[in-house]
Amino acid sequence: MSSRQNKTPISEIVDYWAARIDECDLSVDWSEAEEYCWNCGSPKDLTRCHIVARSLGGQDIPSNYVVLCRKCHEEAPNVDDPRIMWDWLIAHKASFYRTHFIVEGWREYEFIYKRSVDEELRYISEQSPAQDLNRFQEIFKASISRSTTHWGQYTPNKATIAGTVRMALLQYADECGIKLPEARAKTLTPKKYLT
């Protein structure tokens, strides 16, 4: 079954919502909302995303669309209550332009390790007089070269960012002569990789 082609111009979607939604609630400014994903701020693979899908009774009109990249489009809620889309967009808003995935990576770090990155850095500073945040930044930048994106992705996913931060924190703690507390969730590492 083929879907009919959407003819609603992105400019009409932006014009409609710019008059109704405060841009402070999004990850983009209205002046650039035709060029960037409203959720993550990416300029790549922009799509018109139904707020309420056609299969749930949504119409092909400007008031039923937001502009998202393909990655965010796949993650967007698919429900028949339009308020849920706005709740989702506002909850994922990044305070600084194009930092959405970094923020998501730091949230993922806390989800995995049950402590925030700030808590980890505070722990290191309390345990070691040798701590130096400039050194941590150097280590973190070097750790980025030890990670990559999956094929076709234009930015690291949140698990990759969380893992990169963890590698940097572990190295930094080691250089400071301390051991970070273990993750509260048990970490499983296959024995064949430990030998």
C-alpha atoms as a PDB file:
ATOM      1  CA  MET A   1       0.000   0.000   0.000  1.00  0.00           C
ATOM      2  CA  SER A   2       1.586   3.274  -1.032  1.00  0.00           C
ATOM      3  CA  SER A   3       1.204   6.537   0.780  1.00  0.00           C
ATOM      4  CA  ARG A   4       0.374   9.650  -1.196  1.00  0.00           C
ATOM      5  CA  GLN A   5       3.117  12.233  -1.464  1.00  0.00           C
ATOM      6  CA  ASN A   6       2.939  15.064   1.044  1.00  0.00           C
ATOM      7  CA  LYS A   7       2.812  18.435  -0.688  1.00  0.00           C
ATOM      8  CA  THR A   8       2.777  20.673   2.411  1.00  0.00           C
ATOM      9  CA  PRO A   9       5.874  22.909   2.156  1.00  0.00           C
ATOM     10  CA  ILE A  10       8.105  23.044   5.221  1.00  0.00           C
ATOM     11  CA  SER A  11       7.862  26.847   5.074  1.00  0.00           C
ATOM     12  CA  GLU A  12       4.084  26.619   5.726  1.00  0.00           C
ATOM     13  CA  ILE A  13       4.670  24.340   8.706  1.00  0.00           C
ATOM     14  CA  VAL A  14       7.213  26.772  10.164  1.00  0.00           C
ATOM     15  CA  ASP A  15       4.963  29.784   9.541  1.00  0.00           C
ATOM     16  CA  TYR A  16       2.028  28.057  11.220  1.00  0.00           C
ATOM     17  CA  TRP A  17       3.912  27.050  14.388  1.00  0.00           C
ATOM     18  CA  ALA A  18       6.074  30.173  14.682  1.00  0.00           C
ATOM     19  CA  ALA A  19       2.921  32.135  15.432  1.00  0.00           C
ATOM     20  CA  ARG A  20       1.815  29.643  18.108  1.00  0.00           C
ATOM     21  CA  ILE A  21       4.810  28.061  19.882  1.00  0.00           C
ATOM     22  CA  ASP A  22       7.603  29.830  21.772  1.00  0.00           C
ATOM     23  CA  GLU A  23      10.902  28.932  20.081  1.00  0.00           C
ATOM     24  CA  CYS A  24      12.487  28.727  23.553  1.00  0.00           C
ATOM     25  CA  ASP A  25      10.700  25.382  23.878  1.00  0.00           C
ATOM     26  CA  LEU A  26      12.563  23.900  20.888  1.00  0.00           C
ATOM     27  CA  SER A  27      16.152  23.099  19.965  1.00  0.00           C
ATOM     28  CA  VAL A  28      16.048  25.608  17.077  1.00  0.00           C
ATOM     29  CA  ASP A  29      15.129  29.225  16.452  1.00  0.00           C
ATOM     30  CA  TRP A  30      12.189  29.935  14.149  1.00  0.00           C
ATOM     31  CA  SER A  31      14.498  31.817  11.788  1.00  0.00           C
ATOM     32  CA  GLU A  32      16.289  28.512  11.079  1.00  0.00           C
ATOM     33  CA  ALA A  33      13.419  26.062  11.606  1.00  0.00           C
ATOM     34  CA  GLU A  34      13.249  25.221   7.884  1.00  0.00           C
ATOM     35  CA  GLU A  35      16.872  24.078   7.952  1.00  0.00           C
ATOM     36  CA  TYR A  36      17.229  22.142  11.219  1.00  0.00           C
ATOM     37  CA  CYS A  37      15.469  19.346  13.077  1.00  0.00           C
ATOM     38  CA  TRP A  38      13.214  20.778  15.767  1.00  0.00           C
ATOM     39  CA  ASN A  39      14.256  18.060  18.175  1.00  0.00           C
ATOM     40  CA  CYS A  40      18.014  17.599  17.801  1.00  0.00           C
ATOM     41  CA  GLY A  41      19.073  20.553  15.645  1.00  0.00           C
ATOM     42  CA  SER A  42      20.566  18.416  12.872  1.00  0.00           C
ATOM     43  CA  PRO A  43      20.588  19.870   9.343  1.00  0.00           C
ATOM     44  CA  LYS A  44      20.567  16.377   7.762  1.00  0.00           C
ATOM     45  CA  ASP A  45      17.714  14.308   6.302  1.00  0.00           C
ATOM     46  CA  LEU A  46      14.852  16.626   7.255  1.00  0.00           C
ATOM     47  CA  THR A  47      11.327  15.252   6.984  1.00  0.00           C
ATOM     48  CA  ARG A  48       7.795  16.394   7.647  1.00  0.00           C
ATOM     49  CA  CYS A  49       6.585  14.392  10.633  1.00  0.00           C
ATOM     50  CA  HIS A  50       2.891  14.024  11.362  1.00  0.00           C
ATOM     51  CA  ILE A  51       1.955  15.020  14.889  1.00  0.00           C
ATOM     52  CA  VAL A  52      -0.997  12.630  14.596  1.00  0.00           C
ATOM     53  CA  ALA A  53      -0.341   9.963  11.966  1.00  0.00           C
ATOM     54  CA  ARG A  54      -2.747   9.600   9.045  1.00  0.00           C
ATOM     55  CA  SER A  55      -3.466   6.065  10.258  1.00  0.00           C
ATOM     56  CA  LEU A  56      -4.777   7.621  13.483  1.00  0.00           C
ATOM     57  CA  GLY A  57      -6.883  10.253  11.706  1.00  0.00           C
ATOM     58  CA  GLY A  58      -4.213  12.951  11.257  1.00  0.00           C
ATOM     59  CA  GLN A  59      -4.493  15.287   8.291  1.00  0.00           C
ATOM     60  CA  ASP A  60      -1.914  16.574   5.816  1.00  0.00           C
ATOM     61  CA  ILE A  61      -2.086  20.197   6.974  1.00  0.00           C
ATOM     62  CA  PRO A  62       0.592  22.482   8.475  1.00  0.00           C
ATOM     63  CA  SER A  63      -0.907  22.261  11.975  1.00  0.00           C
ATOM     64  CA  ASN A  64      -0.354  18.488  11.983  1.00  0.00           C
ATOM     65  CA  TYR A  65       3.360  18.540  11.163  1.00  0.00           C
ATOM     66  CA  VAL A  66       6.685  19.227  12.794  1.00  0.00           C
ATOM     67  CA  VAL A  67      10.064  19.169  11.041  1.00  0.00           C
ATOM     68  CA  LEU A  68      12.397  16.384  12.175  1.00  0.00           C
ATOM     69  CA  CYS A  69      15.443  14.605  10.834  1.00  0.00           C
ATOM     70  CA  ARG A  70      14.915  10.951   9.913  1.00  0.00           C
ATOM     71  CA  LYS A  71      16.537   9.740  13.151  1.00  0.00           C
ATOM     72  CA  CYS A  72      14.246  11.840  15.355  1.00  0.00           C
ATOM     73  CA  HIS A  73      11.246  11.051  13.145  1.00  0.00           C
ATOM     74  CA  GLU A  74      11.752   7.375  13.974  1.00  0.00           C
ATOM     75  CA  GLU A  75      11.892   8.200  17.704  1.00  0.00           C
ATOM     76  CA  ALA A  76       8.915  10.584  17.763  1.00  0.00           C
ATOM     77  CA  PRO A  77       5.709   9.499  19.523  1.00  0.00           C
ATOM     78  CA  ASN A  78       2.955   7.987  17.371  1.00  0.00           C
ATOM     79  CA  VAL A  79      -0.242   8.660  19.294  1.00  0.00           C
ATOM     80  CA  ASP A  80      -3.515  10.420  18.557  1.00  0.00           C
ATOM     81  CA  ASP A  81      -3.081  13.182  21.166  1.00  0.00           C
ATOM     82  CA  PRO A  82      -1.060  16.092  19.660  1.00  0.00           C
ATOM     83  CA  ARG A  83       0.011  17.295  23.103  1.00  0.00           C
ATOM     84  CA  ILE A  84       2.283  14.279  23.426  1.00  0.00           C
ATOM     85  CA  MET A  85       4.448  15.414  20.483  1.00  0.00           C
ATOM     86  CA  TRP A  86       4.963  18.811  22.113  1.00  0.00           C
ATOM     87  CA  ASP A  87       5.710  17.208  25.489  1.00  0.00           C
ATOM     88  CA  TRP A  88       8.355  15.086  23.766  1.00  0.00           C
ATOM     89  CA  LEU A  89       9.920  17.984  21.858  1.00  0.00           C
ATOM     90  CA  ILE A  90      10.056  20.219  24.933  1.00  0.00           C
ATOM     91  CA  ALA A  91      11.520  17.448  27.115  1.00  0.00           C
ATOM     92  CA  HIS A  92      14.350  16.860  24.609  1.00  0.00           C
ATOM     93  CA  LYS A  93      15.169  20.510  24.043  1.00  0.00           C
ATOM     94  CA  ALA A  94      18.885  21.252  24.227  1.00  0.00           C
ATOM     95  CA  SER A  95      19.820  24.536  25.903  1.00  0.00           C
ATOM     96  CA  PHE A  96      22.675  25.158  23.494  1.00  0.00           C
ATOM     97  CA  TYR A  97      22.464  24.807  19.744  1.00  0.00           C
ATOM     98  CA  ARG A  98      23.398  21.395  18.363  1.00  0.00           C
ATOM     99  CA  THR A  99      24.148  19.809  21.741  1.00  0.00           C
ATOM    100  CA  HIS A 100      21.120  17.508  21.796  1.00  0.00           C
ATOM    101  CA  PHE A 101      23.078  14.279  21.340  1.00  0.00           C
ATOM    102  CA  ILE A 102      25.682  15.255  23.936  1.00  0.00           C
ATOM    103  CA  VAL A 103      22.918  15.928  26.459  1.00  0.00           C
ATOM    104  CA  GLU A 104      21.297  12.596  25.550  1.00  0.00           C
ATOM    105  CA  GLY A 105      24.656  10.829  25.944  1.00  0.00           C
ATOM    106  CA  TRP A 106      25.126  12.271  29.427  1.00  0.00           C
ATOM    107  CA  ARG A 107      21.590  11.184  30.356  1.00  0.00           C
ATOM    108  CA  GLU A 108      22.409   7.723  29.044  1.00  0.00           C
ATOM    109  CA  TYR A 109      25.566   7.686  31.167  1.00  0.00           C
ATOM    110  CA  GLU A 110      23.489   8.293  34.282  1.00  0.00           C
ATOM    111  CA  PHE A 111      20.992   5.620  33.218  1.00  0.00           C
ATOM    112  CA  ILE A 112      23.750   3.038  32.731  1.00  0.00           C
ATOM    113  CA  TYR A 113      26.015   3.916  35.675  1.00  0.00           C
ATOM    114  CA  LYS A 114      23.402   5.292  38.098  1.00  0.00           C
ATOM    115  CA  ARG A 115      25.509   8.406  38.699  1.00  0.00           C
ATOM    116  CA  SER A 116      25.782  11.600  36.689  1.00  0.00           C
ATOM    117  CA  VAL A 117      29.013  12.695  35.049  1.00  0.00           C
ATOM    118  CA  ASP A 118      29.077  15.618  37.503  1.00  0.00           C
ATOM    119  CA  GLU A 119      28.842  13.184  40.428  1.00  0.00           C
ATOM    120  CA  GLU A 120      31.738  11.176  38.996  1.00  0.00           C
ATOM    121  CA  LEU A 121      33.903  14.294  38.587  1.00  0.00           C
ATOM    122  CA  ARG A 122      32.979  15.475  42.092  1.00  0.00           C
ATOM    123  CA  TYR A 123      33.988  12.076  43.487  1.00  0.00           C
ATOM    124  CA  ILE A 124      37.366  12.282  41.757  1.00  0.00           C
ATOM    125  CA  SER A 125      37.965  15.828  43.033  1.00  0.00           C
ATOM    126  CA  GLU A 126      37.095  14.779  46.612  1.00  0.00           C
ATOM    127  CA  GLN A 127      39.419  11.753  46.482  1.00  0.00           C
ATOM    128  CA  SER A 128      42.426  13.194  44.700  1.00  0.00           C
ATOM    129  CA  PRO A 129      44.365  16.428  45.149  1.00  0.00           C
ATOM    130  CA  ALA A 130      45.937  15.690  41.739  1.00  0.00           C
ATOM    131  CA  GLN A 131      42.695  16.206  39.818  1.00  0.00           C
ATOM    132  CA  ASP A 132      42.775  18.719  36.955  1.00  0.00           C
ATOM    133  CA  LEU A 133      39.648  19.295  34.837  1.00  0.00           C
ATOM    134  CA  ASN A 134      41.747  20.503  31.915  1.00  0.00           C
ATOM    135  CA  ARG A 135      43.406  17.082  31.875  1.00  0.00           C
ATOM    136  CA  PHE A 136      39.981  15.400  31.888  1.00  0.00           C
ATOM    137  CA  GLN A 137      38.998  17.479  28.848  1.00  0.00           C
ATOM    138  CA  GLU A 138      42.178  16.376  27.046  1.00  0.00           C
ATOM    139  CA  ILE A 139      41.457  12.737  27.854  1.00  0.00           C
ATOM    140  CA  PHE A 140      37.843  13.084  26.743  1.00  0.00           C
ATOM    141  CA  LYS A 141      38.883  14.615  23.404  1.00  0.00           C
ATOM    142  CA  ALA A 142      41.346  11.751  22.886  1.00  0.00           C
ATOM    143  CA  SER A 143      38.645   9.210  23.805  1.00  0.00           C
ATOM    144  CA  ILE A 144      36.488  10.472  20.963  1.00  0.00           C
ATOM    145  CA  SER A 145      38.999   8.941  18.520  1.00  0.00           C
ATOM    146  CA  ARG A 146      38.320   5.583  20.214  1.00  0.00           C
ATOM    147  CA  SER A 147      34.672   5.643  19.155  1.00  0.00           C
ATOM    148  CA  THR A 148      32.778   5.828  15.883  1.00  0.00           C
ATOM    149  CA  THR A 149      29.298   6.039  14.432  1.00  0.00           C
ATOM    150  CA  HIS A 150      27.287   3.222  12.935  1.00  0.00           C
ATOM    151  CA  TRP A 151      27.154   3.216   9.159  1.00  0.00           C
ATOM    152  CA  GLY A 152      24.845   5.927   7.879  1.00  0.00           C
ATOM    153  CA  GLN A 153      24.674   7.854  11.156  1.00  0.00           C
ATOM    154  CA  TYR A 154      25.785  11.462  11.097  1.00  0.00           C
ATOM    155  CA  THR A 155      26.360  11.693  14.845  1.00  0.00           C
ATOM    156  CA  PRO A 156      27.313   9.230  17.584  1.00  0.00           C
ATOM    157  CA  ASN A 157      24.346   7.636  19.321  1.00  0.00           C
ATOM    158  CA  LYS A 158      23.755   8.250  23.016  1.00  0.00           C
ATOM    159  CA  ALA A 159      25.253   4.909  24.085  1.00  0.00           C
ATOM    160  CA  THR A 160      28.466   5.712  22.199  1.00  0.00           C
ATOM    161  CA  ILE A 161      28.674   9.131  23.855  1.00  0.00           C
ATOM    162  CA  ALA A 162      28.045   7.581  27.289  1.00  0.00           C
ATOM    163  CA  GLY A 163      30.721   4.957  26.618  1.00  0.00           C
ATOM    164  CA  THR A 164      33.213   7.576  25.468  1.00  0.00           C
ATOM    165  CA  VAL A 165      32.618   9.595  28.630  1.00  0.00           C
ATOM    166  CA  ARG A 166      33.028   6.439  30.753  1.00  0.00           C
ATOM    167  CA  MET A 167      36.346   5.564  29.077  1.00  0.00           C
ATOM    168  CA  ALA A 168      37.595   9.104  29.717  1.00  0.00           C
ATOM    169  CA  LEU A 169      36.456   9.096  33.346  1.00  0.00           C
ATOM    170  CA  LEU A 170      38.096   5.722  34.006  1.00  0.00           C
ATOM    171  CA  GLN A 171      41.401   6.899  32.517  1.00  0.00           C
ATOM    172  CA  TYR A 172      41.221  10.212  34.366  1.00  0.00           C
ATOM    173  CA  ALA A 173      40.498   8.495  37.696  1.00  0.00           C
ATOM    174  CA  ASP A 174      43.370   6.087  37.063  1.00  0.00           C
ATOM    175  CA  GLU A 175      45.763   8.988  36.395  1.00  0.00           C
ATOM    176  CA  CYS A 176      44.576  10.599  39.640  1.00  0.00           C
ATOM    177  CA  GLY A 177      45.396   7.368  41.462  1.00  0.00           C
ATOM    178  CA  ILE A 178      41.861   6.426  42.405  1.00  0.00           C
ATOM    179  CA  LYS A 179      39.285   3.892  41.314  1.00  0.00           C
ATOM    180  CA  LEU A 180      35.798   4.952  40.365  1.00  0.00           C
ATOM    181  CA  PRO A 181      33.046   3.075  42.167  1.00  0.00           C
ATOM    182  CA  GLU A 182      31.690   0.198  40.124  1.00  0.00           C
ATOM    183  CA  ALA A 183      28.532   0.738  38.168  1.00  0.00           C
ATOM    184  CA  ARG A 184      25.549  -0.017  40.383  1.00  0.00           C
ATOM    185  CA  ALA A 185      24.182  -2.300  37.704  1.00  0.00           C
ATOM    186  CA  LYS A 186      26.372  -5.352  37.294  1.00  0.00           C
ATOM    187  CA  THR A 187      28.637  -5.059  34.277  1.00  0.00           C
ATOM    188  CA  LEU A 188      28.896  -8.263  32.292  1.00  0.00           C
ATOM    189  CA  THR A 189      32.065  -8.719  30.287  1.00  0.00           C
ATOM    190  CA  PRO A 190      32.579 -11.991  28.408  1.00  0.00           C
ATOM    191  CA  LYS A 191      35.607 -13.774  29.850  1.00  0.00           C
ATOM    192  CA  LYS A 192      37.187 -14.262  26.434  1.00  0.00           C
ATOM    193  CA  TYR A 193      37.723 -10.491  26.229  1.00  0.00           C
ATOM    194  CA  LEU A 194      39.416 -10.337  29.630  1.00  0.00           C
ATOM    195  CA  THR A 195      42.251 -12.741  28.802  1.00  0.00           C
END
